[in-house]
Structures are given as C-alpha cells and as structure tokens.
Amino acid sequence: MAQLSIHLSAIKANYDLLKARVGNACDVAGVVKANAYGLGVSRVAGALRDAGCTTFFAATLPESIELRMLLGASPTIAMLNGFAPQDAELYHENTITPVLNDIEQVNAYQRFSSAQNTHMPAIAHIDTGMNRLGIHPGDMSADMFDGLNIRALMSHFISSEEKESPLNPKQNKAFQTIVSAFPAMPKSLCNSAGIFLSDDYHYDMVRPGMALYGLNPTPYAANPMHDVVTLDAKILQIHSVRKNETAGYNATYRFEKDSAVAIVDIGYADGLFRKTSNTANLSYNGIACPIRGNVSMDLTIIDLANIPESQMPKTGDMVEVIGPNQSADDLARDAQTIGYEILTSLSRRFERNYT
C-alpha cells in the first residue's frame, strides 16, 4: 500500500515562519478548506491551533461545523462561501462567522442579527477584480454594515504568485480606496503568495493556505516553506522488457532498448494524474525513474534503466512520488496543473502517517 506521511511539525514551522514575516500586529489565519488541502483537517487544524492559530477559514457549512466540533468554542471559524438564510440557526448554534459575499447576503444577515437582538459577527468580502465572489464596489456604502460586528473587510489577489504583475498594486489601491470609508474595521488582503509580495499588503490579517502545506508561494524563487508531505508507493512487480515492446494502455510508449520496469501501486485514482503519463518521474534511492505508458487507475509503470545493476530494487521496495527529490509543485508541473490540485486529489486509500 502506498504511504502518505504528513509532517505536522513542518506545518507548525510554516505557521511560525509566516507569523514572523508579518509580525505580531497581524493575525495569521489558517485556511483549512477541502479537508486541509487533502491532508486531513482533524490533525492539521489541531497542529495549527497548537502553533497559535486562532482564526480558521473553511469553504462550506459542513466543513465549518466539523471544525467547530474539532476545535471547541474558542477559535473563530469563518465560512468563505457566504450566508444562506435557510441555514441561519446552524451558523448561530455553531458560532460560525459567515463571509458575506454580496449585498443580498449582507441584508439577510442583518435581518437575522436583528432578530437575535445582537450585533452578530461577520467578515465582508469585497471584489477588487477577481469577478468571483465578493461585494461589488458599486454596492458599498458607509452605513451598509449597521447592526453587524464586522471582524474584517477582505479581498483576494488575482495574481499574487506573479511578483511583477501590475494587477497586484492595482488591486491593493482599489482595496485601500474602498476600505478607507471603514477606518475602524480590520482589513485582510493577502493569501499565501501575497504575504511575500510586500509588507504594505499585510494589513491586520493574512489568510495562508498552500504555504502552510509546503507548496511554494514564491514560484519565481526558492521555496521558503518547509516540506510537509512525502508520498511513497510500493513496487508490486519487476520484470524485463525488450526493445520495441510497449508500455500500458494504448501503447503510448515504445522502449528504445532492453530494460527493466517496475509496476507501482499508485494510479490516477490515487491522485497521480494521467497527465503524468510519459512526462513525470518517480524515484528510487534518489534516482529518477521515468513513467512509461499511460498511468492506469491503480498502477503505474516506471523504467529502471537509470538504476545501476548493483542498486536494483526488489518487489516490495518503495519508490518516492513526492519527497526530497520531487515536490508536489514539481509533480504538478509535469501534470500541467498546480500543487493545490495535487494535494487535494491525494487518495483516501493511502496509509496516512502523521509525524
């Protein structure tokens, strides 16, 4: 069985690194949506709490309620996908702070807050150019949040991983213009990559996700984060192949010389995308072993031609999928995707080890 190791100490170290970068005046929230980016929210959220995190972001109401059950009454649990009036009592009972994404949600939440005879907490999301979720700037007014306890005004960068993109200062300027009407309310703009662009963008709270999990928030430079994930898969069989024989479904690879191949217990059902067929490598003892042929649902063929005869693996040995020789970002590049998708696609079939 393939083995996935999640290094909780590295997650804590990444939290500490981000906290040191933004300083004590800025809150570092933890984005733990999608089962903590596929790594297991029950263990990851606890590690972040132990590191000092007091604000957590989830995407959906079920995720938010799960977090409340895991973390108890103290942390702030914010839900990114907005306020749904039909679920109002669930927000209230579980002390979930909704992120209000349009004027209709603001008005509905004000009505619910008034019915509770209190100023209920919320975060207001302002669209500064993503054209995804967020209150349109034209709908903003100085008194629009009356009756609510707005914990933060937030927006979201479009291209923060592109250091020189003119969209970054443009968005920051738009954000500053809008929030200037609300000087007493805390502000939040940065995702993981935004934290490394400029201290001017940090405001009162940053919202890292991918950086906590070891993905590179600075793709234009070396990764400043600690590696969190290692994934190893087992060799099920080793056999010889002859020149001009083919590998896998549809014979997409033809061997140019006699070689040996290993059949590994990982496939696209486990998150090793079919796009890695004939493009990516796994590694054995630090030696690259190219994927040959199409990745199957449960199995992958790798070429052992680069391995010296004296170092040849045997059935039952493990090969590295993600680890010191190949990061999740590296694998994503070969799969023509992003590291986020690699992590969130990791299979529940893996044996998971938390260290």
Protein backbone atom coordinates (compact mmCIF):
# COMPACT_ATOMS: atom_id res chain seq x y z
CA MET A 1 0.00 0.00 0.00
CA ALA A 2 1.22 3.50 -0.83
CA GLN A 3 2.18 5.53 2.23
CA LEU A 4 1.44 9.23 2.73
CA SER A 5 3.33 10.99 5.51
CA ILE A 6 2.16 14.39 6.76
CA HIS A 7 4.70 16.20 8.90
CA LEU A 8 2.73 18.23 11.44
CA SER A 9 5.93 19.71 12.82
CA ALA A 10 6.57 21.21 9.36
CA ILE A 11 3.08 22.73 9.31
CA LYS A 12 3.77 24.34 12.69
CA ALA A 13 7.15 25.57 11.45
CA ASN A 14 5.50 27.06 8.37
CA TYR A 15 2.95 28.84 10.57
CA ASP A 16 5.78 30.23 12.69
CA LEU A 17 7.65 31.38 9.58
CA LEU A 18 4.61 33.26 8.27
CA LYS A 19 3.90 34.75 11.68
CA ALA A 20 7.47 36.04 11.89
CA ARG A 21 7.19 37.54 8.44
CA VAL A 22 4.02 39.57 9.12
CA GLY A 23 4.77 40.50 12.73
CA ASN A 24 2.76 40.42 15.93
CA ALA A 25 0.34 43.15 14.86
CA CYS A 26 -1.00 40.97 12.03
CA ASP A 27 -3.12 37.84 12.62
CA VAL A 28 -2.20 34.72 10.66
CA ALA A 29 -5.37 32.76 9.94
CA GLY A 30 -5.30 29.14 8.78
CA VAL A 31 -7.16 28.17 5.60
CA VAL A 32 -8.16 24.55 6.12
CA LYS A 33 -10.86 24.10 3.49
CA ALA A 34 -11.10 20.90 1.41
CA ASN A 35 -10.01 18.68 4.33
CA ALA A 36 -6.98 20.92 4.93
CA TYR A 37 -5.98 20.75 1.27
CA GLY A 38 -6.37 16.98 1.34
CA LEU A 39 -4.05 16.38 4.30
CA GLY A 40 -6.65 15.68 7.00
CA VAL A 41 -8.35 18.53 8.80
CA SER A 42 -8.68 16.75 12.14
CA ARG A 43 -4.91 16.54 12.61
CA VAL A 44 -3.89 19.66 10.68
CA ALA A 45 -6.29 22.04 12.43
CA GLY A 46 -5.12 20.76 15.79
CA ALA A 47 -1.49 21.34 14.83
CA LEU A 48 -2.27 24.89 13.72
CA ARG A 49 -4.15 25.56 16.94
CA ASP A 50 -1.14 24.30 18.91
CA ALA A 51 1.05 26.67 16.89
CA GLY A 52 -1.10 29.60 17.99
CA CYS A 53 -3.66 29.91 15.20
CA THR A 54 -6.97 31.34 16.46
CA THR A 55 -8.80 32.02 13.17
CA PHE A 56 -9.68 29.30 10.67
CA PHE A 57 -11.27 29.56 7.24
CA ALA A 58 -13.41 26.80 5.71
CA ALA A 59 -15.35 26.87 2.44
CA THR A 60 -18.67 25.23 3.31
CA LEU A 61 -21.02 24.98 6.26
CA PRO A 62 -20.38 21.25 6.87
CA GLU A 63 -16.62 21.95 6.91
CA SER A 64 -17.18 24.81 9.36
CA ILE A 65 -19.31 22.75 11.72
CA GLU A 66 -16.72 19.95 11.62
CA LEU A 67 -14.05 22.47 12.59
CA ARG A 68 -16.15 23.73 15.50
CA MET A 69 -16.55 20.16 16.77
CA LEU A 70 -12.82 19.55 16.41
CA LEU A 71 -11.53 22.78 17.92
CA GLY A 72 -14.08 23.66 20.56
CA ALA A 73 -15.57 27.02 21.39
CA SER A 74 -12.56 29.33 21.30
CA PRO A 75 -11.32 29.77 17.71
CA THR A 76 -13.03 31.94 15.12
CA ILE A 77 -14.41 29.73 12.35
CA ALA A 78 -15.10 31.73 9.17
CA MET A 79 -17.01 30.29 6.20
CA LEU A 80 -15.93 31.57 2.80
CA ASN A 81 -18.94 30.58 0.70
CA GLY A 82 -21.32 33.06 2.35
CA PHE A 83 -24.52 33.22 4.35
CA ALA A 84 -27.59 31.14 3.44
CA PRO A 85 -30.70 32.32 5.37
CA GLN A 86 -32.22 28.82 5.45
CA ASP A 87 -29.22 27.66 7.50
CA ALA A 88 -29.15 30.68 9.81
CA GLU A 89 -29.71 28.69 13.00
CA LEU A 90 -26.78 26.40 12.19
CA TYR A 91 -24.47 29.39 11.87
CA HIS A 92 -25.75 30.69 15.20
CA GLU A 93 -25.67 27.39 17.11
CA ASN A 94 -22.13 26.58 15.94
CA THR A 95 -20.81 30.15 16.18
CA ILE A 96 -19.82 30.25 12.51
CA THR A 97 -18.73 33.63 11.15
CA PRO A 98 -20.01 33.96 7.58
CA VAL A 99 -18.04 35.74 4.89
CA LEU A 100 -20.67 37.97 3.27
CA ASN A 101 -20.19 37.99 -0.48
CA ASP A 102 -22.95 40.22 -1.86
CA ILE A 103 -25.42 42.85 -0.78
CA GLU A 104 -28.27 40.33 -0.52
CA GLN A 105 -26.28 38.30 2.00
CA VAL A 106 -25.48 41.44 3.97
CA ASN A 107 -29.16 42.38 4.15
CA ALA A 108 -30.29 38.86 5.06
CA TYR A 109 -27.66 38.59 7.80
CA GLN A 110 -28.66 41.98 9.18
CA ARG A 111 -32.25 40.79 9.46
CA PHE A 112 -31.16 37.64 11.25
CA SER A 113 -28.84 39.59 13.55
CA SER A 114 -31.66 42.00 14.41
CA ALA A 115 -33.94 39.07 15.23
CA GLN A 116 -31.32 37.83 17.69
CA ASN A 117 -31.17 41.32 19.24
CA THR A 118 -27.40 41.45 18.90
CA HIS A 119 -24.60 42.52 16.56
CA MET A 120 -23.57 39.19 15.05
CA PRO A 121 -20.03 38.68 13.72
CA ALA A 122 -19.26 38.59 10.01
CA ILE A 123 -16.47 39.16 7.52
CA ALA A 124 -17.24 41.20 4.41
CA HIS A 125 -15.64 40.15 1.13
CA ILE A 126 -15.14 42.91 -1.45
CA ASP A 127 -14.46 42.08 -5.09
CA THR A 128 -11.46 44.07 -6.32
CA GLY A 129 -11.14 42.38 -9.70
CA MET A 130 -11.43 38.59 -9.37
CA ASN A 131 -15.06 38.65 -10.59
CA ARG A 132 -15.71 35.63 -8.42
CA LEU A 133 -17.33 36.00 -5.00
CA GLY A 134 -17.42 39.40 -3.34
CA ILE A 135 -19.47 42.55 -2.85
CA HIS A 136 -19.32 44.78 -5.91
CA PRO A 137 -17.62 48.10 -5.08
CA GLY A 138 -20.61 49.93 -6.53
CA ASP A 139 -22.81 48.39 -3.84
CA MET A 140 -20.66 49.68 -0.98
CA SER A 141 -21.91 52.43 1.32
CA ALA A 142 -20.64 53.80 4.63
CA ASP A 143 -23.64 52.54 6.64
CA MET A 144 -24.18 49.21 4.89
CA PHE A 145 -22.95 47.11 7.83
CA ASP A 146 -25.07 48.75 10.52
CA GLY A 147 -26.18 46.23 13.12
CA LEU A 148 -23.31 43.81 12.41
CA ASN A 149 -19.97 43.16 14.08
CA ILE A 150 -17.63 43.19 11.07
CA ARG A 151 -14.50 41.32 12.10
CA ALA A 152 -12.68 42.09 8.84
CA LEU A 153 -13.03 43.57 5.39
CA MET A 154 -11.29 41.22 2.97
CA SER A 155 -10.46 40.87 -0.70
CA HIS A 156 -8.42 38.38 -2.69
CA PHE A 157 -5.45 38.78 -5.03
CA ILE A 158 -5.80 37.65 -8.64
CA SER A 159 -2.11 37.11 -9.48
CA SER A 160 -0.10 37.23 -6.28
CA GLU A 161 2.18 34.40 -7.40
CA GLU A 162 3.33 36.70 -10.25
CA LYS A 163 5.67 39.07 -8.44
CA GLU A 164 5.81 41.75 -11.12
CA SER A 165 2.16 41.65 -12.14
CA PRO A 166 0.69 45.18 -12.29
CA LEU A 167 -2.57 43.68 -11.03
CA ASN A 168 -1.16 43.40 -7.50
CA PRO A 169 -0.60 47.12 -6.77
CA LYS A 170 -3.75 47.91 -8.76
CA GLN A 171 -5.84 45.66 -6.52
CA ASN A 172 -4.21 46.99 -3.38
CA LYS A 173 -5.01 50.54 -4.42
CA ALA A 174 -8.63 49.61 -5.15
CA PHE A 175 -8.86 47.86 -1.77
CA GLN A 176 -7.41 50.88 0.04
CA THR A 177 -9.88 53.21 -1.64
CA ILE A 178 -12.86 51.08 -0.63
CA VAL A 179 -11.86 50.33 2.96
CA SER A 180 -10.92 53.95 3.70
CA ALA A 181 -14.62 54.51 4.42
CA PHE A 182 -14.36 52.00 7.28
CA PRO A 183 -11.23 53.05 9.21
CA ALA A 184 -12.10 51.15 12.39
CA MET A 185 -12.62 47.76 10.72
CA PRO A 186 -9.72 45.30 10.40
CA LYS A 187 -8.54 44.56 6.86
CA SER A 188 -7.28 41.43 5.09
CA LEU A 189 -5.95 41.07 1.54
CA CYS A 190 -3.15 38.51 1.45
CA ASN A 191 -3.26 34.85 0.56
CA SER A 192 -0.06 32.80 0.80
CA ALA A 193 1.75 34.34 -2.15
CA GLY A 194 0.57 37.84 -1.29
CA ILE A 195 2.38 37.66 2.05
CA PHE A 196 5.72 37.62 0.17
CA LEU A 197 4.94 40.49 -2.21
CA SER A 198 5.05 43.49 0.12
CA ASP A 199 4.68 44.35 3.79
CA ASP A 200 2.22 47.01 2.67
CA TYR A 201 -0.26 44.28 1.78
CA HIS A 202 -0.34 42.56 5.17
CA TYR A 203 -2.89 44.84 6.89
CA ASP A 204 -4.48 43.23 10.01
CA MET A 205 -4.83 39.60 8.93
CA VAL A 206 -3.37 37.29 6.29
CA ARG A 207 -5.00 34.08 5.11
CA PRO A 208 -2.39 31.49 4.05
CA GLY A 209 -3.38 28.09 2.77
CA MET A 210 -0.92 26.50 0.37
CA ALA A 211 2.16 27.86 2.12
CA LEU A 212 1.15 26.15 5.35
CA TYR A 213 1.21 22.84 3.49
CA GLY A 214 4.64 23.31 1.94
CA LEU A 215 3.70 24.46 -1.55
CA ASN A 216 5.83 27.26 -2.94
CA PRO A 217 4.24 30.72 -2.54
CA THR A 218 7.17 32.26 -4.47
CA PRO A 219 7.42 30.29 -7.74
CA TYR A 220 9.86 32.91 -9.02
CA ALA A 221 12.32 31.94 -6.23
CA ALA A 222 13.31 29.04 -4.00
CA ASN A 223 10.53 27.71 -1.78
CA PRO A 224 10.81 29.36 1.66
CA MET A 225 8.45 26.84 3.26
CA HIS A 226 9.20 23.53 4.94
CA ASP A 227 8.19 20.32 3.14
CA VAL A 228 5.05 18.85 4.68
CA VAL A 229 4.21 15.85 2.50
CA THR A 230 6.06 12.71 1.48
CA LEU A 231 4.36 10.04 -0.59
CA ASP A 232 5.88 6.64 -1.34
CA ALA A 233 4.39 3.80 -3.39
CA LYS A 234 5.19 0.09 -3.33
CA ILE A 235 6.71 -1.92 -6.15
CA LEU A 236 4.37 -4.83 -6.87
CA GLN A 237 6.36 -6.47 -9.65
CA ILE A 238 9.62 -6.14 -11.58
CA HIS A 239 10.20 -7.64 -14.98
CA SER A 240 12.25 -7.27 -18.14
CA VAL A 241 11.12 -5.62 -21.36
CA ARG A 242 12.64 -5.87 -24.81
CA LYS A 243 13.42 -3.21 -27.34
CA ASN A 244 10.31 -2.19 -29.36
CA GLU A 245 7.89 -3.57 -26.78
CA THR A 246 5.30 -1.09 -25.47
CA ALA A 247 4.03 0.01 -22.04
CA GLY A 248 0.48 0.27 -20.76
CA TYR A 249 -2.86 1.11 -22.31
CA ASN A 250 -2.85 2.24 -25.96
CA ALA A 251 0.88 1.55 -26.33
CA THR A 252 1.80 5.22 -25.89
CA TYR A 253 5.44 4.39 -25.13
CA ARG A 254 7.76 2.11 -27.08
CA PHE A 255 11.03 1.02 -25.44
CA GLU A 256 14.13 2.03 -27.37
CA LYS A 257 16.30 -0.64 -25.73
CA ASP A 258 16.08 -3.67 -23.47
CA SER A 259 15.32 -2.58 -19.92
CA ALA A 260 13.60 -3.49 -16.68
CA VAL A 261 10.40 -1.95 -15.38
CA ALA A 262 8.68 -1.80 -12.02
CA ILE A 263 4.92 -1.86 -11.58
CA VAL A 264 3.96 0.51 -8.74
CA ASP A 265 0.75 0.51 -6.68
CA ILE A 266 -0.40 4.05 -7.49
CA GLY A 267 -2.58 5.45 -10.26
CA TYR A 268 -4.93 8.21 -11.21
CA ALA A 269 -7.50 7.04 -8.64
CA ASP A 270 -4.87 7.95 -6.05
CA GLY A 271 -4.14 11.41 -7.44
CA LEU A 272 -1.26 10.56 -9.78
CA PHE A 273 -2.85 12.25 -12.74
CA ARG A 274 -2.99 10.60 -16.14
CA LYS A 275 -1.31 13.75 -17.46
CA THR A 276 1.92 12.48 -15.88
CA SER A 277 1.99 9.62 -18.38
CA ASN A 278 5.36 9.67 -20.17
CA THR A 279 6.23 13.05 -18.61
CA ALA A 280 6.90 12.63 -14.88
CA ASN A 281 9.34 10.57 -12.83
CA LEU A 282 9.17 8.63 -9.62
CA SER A 283 12.47 7.97 -7.89
CA TYR A 284 14.29 5.14 -6.19
CA ASN A 285 17.20 5.98 -3.88
CA GLY A 286 17.25 9.44 -5.42
CA ILE A 287 17.48 8.13 -8.99
CA ALA A 288 14.82 9.28 -11.46
CA CYS A 289 12.65 6.51 -12.90
CA PRO A 290 10.53 7.82 -15.79
CA ILE A 291 6.85 6.88 -16.02
CA ARG A 292 6.34 4.79 -19.15
CA GLY A 293 2.99 4.48 -20.87
CA ASN A 294 -0.35 5.68 -19.63
CA VAL A 295 -0.91 5.86 -15.88
CA SER A 296 -3.69 3.38 -15.02
CA MET A 297 -6.37 3.72 -12.35
CA ASP A 298 -4.37 1.78 -9.75
CA LEU A 299 -0.98 1.08 -11.33
CA THR A 300 1.95 2.90 -12.91
CA ILE A 301 4.88 1.53 -14.91
CA ILE A 302 8.31 3.05 -14.30
CA ASP A 303 11.54 2.47 -16.20
CA LEU A 304 14.51 1.24 -14.14
CA ALA A 305 17.11 1.84 -16.87
CA ASN A 306 18.83 4.63 -14.90
CA ILE A 307 19.50 2.41 -11.87
CA PRO A 308 22.85 0.60 -11.64
CA GLU A 309 22.59 -3.17 -11.51
CA SER A 310 24.06 -3.20 -8.00
CA GLN A 311 21.29 -0.90 -6.72
CA MET A 312 18.30 -2.52 -8.40
CA PRO A 313 15.12 -2.52 -6.27
CA LYS A 314 13.16 -5.62 -5.44
CA THR A 315 9.47 -6.34 -5.13
CA GLY A 316 8.10 -4.67 -2.01
CA ASP A 317 10.52 -1.75 -2.06
CA MET A 318 9.11 1.78 -2.03
CA VAL A 319 9.60 4.49 -4.63
CA GLU A 320 9.22 8.20 -3.98
CA VAL A 321 6.29 10.02 -5.57
CA ILE A 322 6.55 13.23 -3.51
CA GLY A 323 9.52 13.90 -1.28
CA PRO A 324 13.08 15.27 -1.20
CA ASN A 325 13.67 14.56 -4.89
CA GLN A 326 10.31 15.76 -6.21
CA SER A 327 7.98 18.25 -4.56
CA ALA A 328 4.24 18.41 -5.08
CA ASP A 329 4.91 21.53 -7.18
CA ASP A 330 7.38 19.56 -9.34
CA LEU A 331 4.83 16.80 -9.89
CA ALA A 332 2.19 19.42 -10.68
CA ARG A 333 4.42 20.94 -13.35
CA ASP A 334 4.75 17.59 -15.09
CA ALA A 335 0.98 17.09 -14.83
CA GLN A 336 0.33 20.57 -16.28
CA THR A 337 -1.53 21.65 -13.17
CA ILE A 338 -0.82 23.32 -9.80
CA GLY A 339 0.32 21.95 -6.46
CA TYR A 340 -3.09 22.68 -4.93
CA GLU A 341 -4.68 20.11 -7.21
CA ILE A 342 -2.04 17.51 -6.40
CA LEU A 343 -2.62 17.80 -2.64
CA THR A 344 -6.42 17.96 -2.77
CA SER A 345 -6.50 14.88 -5.01
CA LEU A 346 -4.49 12.63 -2.69
CA SER A 347 -6.38 9.38 -2.23
CA ARG A 348 -8.03 8.19 0.94
CA ARG A 349 -6.64 4.74 0.03
CA PHE A 350 -3.17 5.72 1.21
CA GLU A 351 -1.91 4.62 4.59
CA ARG A 352 -1.57 8.01 6.31
CA ASN A 353 1.14 8.63 8.87
CA TYR A 354 1.25 11.83 10.91
CA THR A 355 4.59 12.81 12.39
